[in-house]
């Protein structure tokens, strides 16, 4: 009976080892996807700036205004509590 329990314990260790390796592979995959998307967005921005500069400047201006608006309207709780 004890031999069977030891076998199940070894099988359990093997299954969780495979699961940990799968988690590491998933983390590396997510990092690779993030890097690829970041590079793609930068390349598309460069392409847009070369292909049609006025639209790119207008889009950049809208993004800056949106970020400024968000920075003013959505203050952090620490700043609100100090006021």
N, C-alpha and C. Protein backbone atom coordinates (compact mmCIF):
# COMPACT_ATOMS: atom_id res chain seq x y z
N UNK A 1 0.83 -1.19 0.00
CA UNK A 1 0.00 0.00 0.00
C UNK A 1 0.87 1.25 0.00
N UNK A 2 1.93 1.21 0.81
CA UNK A 2 2.80 2.37 0.88
C UNK A 2 3.53 2.60 -0.45
N UNK A 3 3.82 1.54 -1.15
CA UNK A 3 4.47 1.65 -2.46
C UNK A 3 3.54 2.35 -3.45
N UNK A 4 2.25 2.07 -3.39
CA UNK A 4 1.26 2.71 -4.26
C UNK A 4 1.15 4.20 -3.94
N UNK A 5 1.16 4.55 -2.66
CA UNK A 5 1.10 5.95 -2.28
C UNK A 5 2.36 6.71 -2.74
N UNK A 6 3.51 6.06 -2.67
CA UNK A 6 4.74 6.69 -3.16
C UNK A 6 4.67 6.90 -4.67
N UNK A 7 4.09 5.96 -5.38
CA UNK A 7 3.91 6.08 -6.83
C UNK A 7 3.01 7.27 -7.15
N UNK A 8 1.90 7.41 -6.43
CA UNK A 8 0.99 8.54 -6.66
C UNK A 8 1.66 9.87 -6.30
N UNK A 9 2.50 9.86 -5.27
CA UNK A 9 3.21 11.08 -4.89
C UNK A 9 4.19 11.49 -5.99
N UNK A 10 4.90 10.53 -6.56
CA UNK A 10 5.81 10.84 -7.66
C UNK A 10 5.05 11.32 -8.89
N UNK A 11 3.90 10.72 -9.16
CA UNK A 11 3.08 11.15 -10.28
C UNK A 11 2.56 12.57 -10.07
N UNK A 12 2.18 12.88 -8.85
CA UNK A 12 1.72 14.22 -8.52
C UNK A 12 2.85 15.24 -8.72
N UNK A 13 4.05 14.91 -8.26
CA UNK A 13 5.20 15.80 -8.45
C UNK A 13 5.47 16.02 -9.94
N UNK A 14 5.36 14.98 -10.74
CA UNK A 14 5.60 15.10 -12.18
C UNK A 14 4.57 16.02 -12.83
N UNK A 15 3.31 15.86 -12.47
CA UNK A 15 2.25 16.69 -13.06
C UNK A 15 2.46 18.16 -12.71
N UNK A 16 2.79 18.46 -11.47
CA UNK A 16 2.99 19.85 -11.08
C UNK A 16 4.27 20.44 -11.66
N UNK A 17 5.28 19.61 -11.91
CA UNK A 17 6.48 20.09 -12.59
C UNK A 17 6.15 20.51 -14.01
N UNK A 18 5.35 19.72 -14.70
CA UNK A 18 4.91 20.07 -16.06
C UNK A 18 4.08 21.35 -16.03
N UNK A 19 3.23 21.50 -15.03
CA UNK A 19 2.41 22.70 -14.91
C UNK A 19 3.27 23.94 -14.68
N UNK A 20 4.32 23.83 -13.87
CA UNK A 20 5.22 24.96 -13.65
C UNK A 20 5.98 25.33 -14.91
N UNK A 21 6.40 24.34 -15.68
CA UNK A 21 7.06 24.62 -16.96
C UNK A 21 6.10 25.30 -17.93
N UNK A 22 4.84 24.87 -17.91
CA UNK A 22 3.83 25.50 -18.76
C UNK A 22 3.60 26.95 -18.36
N UNK A 23 3.62 27.24 -17.08
CA UNK A 23 3.45 28.62 -16.61
C UNK A 23 4.63 29.49 -17.05
N UNK A 24 5.82 28.95 -17.00
CA UNK A 24 6.99 29.70 -17.46
C UNK A 24 6.89 29.97 -18.96
N UNK A 25 6.46 28.98 -19.73
CA UNK A 25 6.30 29.16 -21.18
C UNK A 25 5.21 30.19 -21.47
N UNK A 26 4.13 30.20 -20.70
CA UNK A 26 3.06 31.18 -20.89
C UNK A 26 3.56 32.59 -20.60
N UNK A 27 4.35 32.75 -19.56
CA UNK A 27 4.90 34.06 -19.23
C UNK A 27 5.83 34.55 -20.34
N UNK A 28 6.66 33.68 -20.86
CA UNK A 28 7.56 34.06 -21.96
C UNK A 28 6.75 34.40 -23.20
N UNK A 29 5.69 33.66 -23.47
CA UNK A 29 4.83 33.95 -24.62
C UNK A 29 4.14 35.30 -24.51
N UNK A 30 3.66 35.62 -23.32
CA UNK A 30 3.01 36.92 -23.11
C UNK A 30 4.03 38.05 -23.29
N UNK A 31 5.23 37.88 -22.77
CA UNK A 31 6.27 38.89 -22.93
C UNK A 31 6.63 39.07 -24.40
N UNK A 32 6.76 37.97 -25.14
CA UNK A 32 7.08 38.06 -26.56
C UNK A 32 5.97 38.77 -27.33
N UNK A 33 4.71 38.48 -27.02
CA UNK A 33 3.60 39.14 -27.68
C UNK A 33 3.59 40.63 -27.38
N UNK A 34 3.87 41.00 -26.14
CA UNK A 34 3.92 42.41 -25.76
C UNK A 34 5.03 43.14 -26.51
N UNK A 35 6.19 42.54 -26.62
CA UNK A 35 7.31 43.16 -27.34
C UNK A 35 6.96 43.32 -28.81
N UNK A 36 6.38 42.28 -29.42
CA UNK A 36 6.00 42.36 -30.83
C UNK A 36 4.96 43.44 -31.07
N UNK A 37 3.96 43.55 -30.21
CA UNK A 37 2.94 44.58 -30.38
C UNK A 37 3.52 45.98 -30.18
N UNK A 38 4.44 46.13 -29.25
CA UNK A 38 5.08 47.43 -29.03
C UNK A 38 5.86 47.86 -30.26
N UNK A 39 6.63 46.95 -30.83
CA UNK A 39 7.40 47.26 -32.03
C UNK A 39 6.47 47.56 -33.20
N UNK A 40 5.38 46.81 -33.32
CA UNK A 40 4.42 47.03 -34.40
C UNK A 40 3.78 48.41 -34.31
N UNK A 41 3.40 48.83 -33.11
CA UNK A 41 2.79 50.16 -32.94
C UNK A 41 3.80 51.25 -33.30
N UNK A 42 5.04 51.09 -32.91
CA UNK A 42 6.05 52.08 -33.25
C UNK A 42 6.28 52.15 -34.75
N UNK A 43 6.35 51.00 -35.41
CA UNK A 43 6.54 50.98 -36.86
C UNK A 43 5.34 51.58 -37.59
N UNK A 44 4.14 51.32 -37.11
CA UNK A 44 2.96 51.93 -37.72
C UNK A 44 2.95 53.44 -37.53
N UNK A 45 3.42 53.93 -36.40
CA UNK A 45 3.53 55.36 -36.19
C UNK A 45 4.53 56.00 -37.13
N UNK A 46 5.66 55.34 -37.36
CA UNK A 46 6.65 55.86 -38.30
C UNK A 46 6.09 55.86 -39.71
N UNK A 47 5.41 54.78 -40.09
CA UNK A 47 4.80 54.70 -41.41
C UNK A 47 3.75 55.80 -41.60
N UNK A 48 2.93 56.03 -40.59
CA UNK A 48 1.90 57.08 -40.69
C UNK A 48 2.54 58.45 -40.82
N UNK A 49 3.65 58.69 -40.10
CA UNK A 49 4.33 59.99 -40.19
C UNK A 49 4.93 60.21 -41.57
N UNK A 50 5.41 59.16 -42.20
CA UNK A 50 5.98 59.30 -43.53
C UNK A 50 4.88 59.41 -44.59
N UNK A 51 3.81 58.61 -44.44
CA UNK A 51 2.77 58.56 -45.46
C UNK A 51 1.90 59.82 -45.45
N UNK A 52 1.51 60.32 -44.30
CA UNK A 52 0.61 61.47 -44.23
C UNK A 52 0.90 62.28 -42.96
N UNK A 53 1.87 63.19 -43.03
CA UNK A 53 2.27 63.94 -41.83
C UNK A 53 1.16 64.78 -41.19
N UNK A 54 0.29 65.47 -41.93
CA UNK A 54 -0.73 66.28 -41.24
C UNK A 54 -1.69 65.46 -40.37
N UNK A 55 -2.09 64.31 -40.85
CA UNK A 55 -2.99 63.47 -40.05
C UNK A 55 -2.25 62.95 -38.81
N UNK A 56 -0.98 62.64 -38.97
CA UNK A 56 -0.19 62.16 -37.83
C UNK A 56 -0.05 63.26 -36.77
N UNK A 57 0.19 64.49 -37.19
CA UNK A 57 0.30 65.59 -36.24
C UNK A 57 -1.04 65.82 -35.54
N UNK A 58 -2.15 65.74 -36.29
CA UNK A 58 -3.47 65.93 -35.69
C UNK A 58 -3.76 64.82 -34.68
N UNK A 59 -3.42 63.60 -35.02
CA UNK A 59 -3.64 62.49 -34.09
C UNK A 59 -2.79 62.65 -32.84
N UNK A 60 -1.54 63.03 -33.01
CA UNK A 60 -0.68 63.27 -31.84
C UNK A 60 -1.20 64.38 -30.96
N UNK A 61 -1.73 65.45 -31.58
CA UNK A 61 -2.30 66.55 -30.80
C UNK A 61 -3.51 66.09 -30.00
N UNK A 62 -4.37 65.30 -30.64
CA UNK A 62 -5.55 64.78 -29.92
C UNK A 62 -5.13 63.89 -28.75
N UNK A 63 -4.11 63.08 -28.94
CA UNK A 63 -3.65 62.22 -27.85
C UNK A 63 -3.08 63.05 -26.70
N UNK A 64 -2.32 64.09 -27.01
CA UNK A 64 -1.75 64.93 -25.96
C UNK A 64 -2.85 65.65 -25.19
N UNK A 65 -3.84 66.19 -25.92
CA UNK A 65 -4.95 66.88 -25.24
C UNK A 65 -5.73 65.90 -24.37
N UNK A 66 -5.94 64.69 -24.87
CA UNK A 66 -6.64 63.68 -24.07
C UNK A 66 -5.88 63.31 -22.81
N UNK A 67 -4.57 63.18 -22.93
CA UNK A 67 -3.76 62.87 -21.74
C UNK A 67 -3.76 64.03 -20.73
N UNK A 68 -3.70 65.26 -21.25
CA UNK A 68 -3.76 66.42 -20.34
C UNK A 68 -5.11 66.47 -19.63
N UNK A 69 -6.20 66.22 -20.36
CA UNK A 69 -7.53 66.23 -19.76
C UNK A 69 -7.64 65.15 -18.68
N UNK A 70 -7.14 63.97 -18.98
CA UNK A 70 -7.20 62.87 -18.01
C UNK A 70 -6.36 63.19 -16.78
N UNK A 71 -5.22 63.83 -16.98
CA UNK A 71 -4.38 64.21 -15.86
C UNK A 71 -5.02 65.23 -14.94
N UNK A 72 -5.85 66.10 -15.52
CA UNK A 72 -6.52 67.11 -14.71
C UNK A 72 -7.75 66.55 -14.02
N UNK A 73 -8.54 65.78 -14.74
CA UNK A 73 -9.82 65.28 -14.21
C UNK A 73 -9.62 64.12 -13.25
N UNK A 74 -8.73 63.21 -13.56
CA UNK A 74 -8.53 61.99 -12.75
C UNK A 74 -7.31 62.14 -11.87
N UNK A 75 -7.45 62.87 -10.80
CA UNK A 75 -6.33 63.04 -9.88
C UNK A 75 -6.21 61.82 -8.98
N UNK A 76 -5.00 61.57 -8.51
CA UNK A 76 -4.79 60.44 -7.62
C UNK A 76 -5.38 60.76 -6.24
N UNK A 77 -5.75 59.73 -5.47
CA UNK A 77 -6.34 59.95 -4.15
C UNK A 77 -5.41 60.68 -3.18
N UNK A 78 -4.10 60.54 -3.31
CA UNK A 78 -3.18 61.20 -2.40
C UNK A 78 -3.23 62.71 -2.56
N UNK A 79 -3.36 63.16 -3.82
CA UNK A 79 -3.42 64.60 -4.05
C UNK A 79 -4.74 65.15 -3.54
N UNK A 80 -5.84 64.41 -3.75
CA UNK A 80 -7.15 64.86 -3.30
C UNK A 80 -7.22 64.94 -1.78
N UNK A 81 -6.61 63.99 -1.08
CA UNK A 81 -6.67 63.96 0.37
C UNK A 81 -5.85 65.11 0.98
N UNK A 82 -4.79 65.54 0.29
CA UNK A 82 -3.95 66.62 0.82
C UNK A 82 -4.64 67.98 0.68
N UNK A 83 -5.57 68.12 -0.26
CA UNK A 83 -6.22 69.42 -0.50
C UNK A 83 -7.23 69.76 0.55
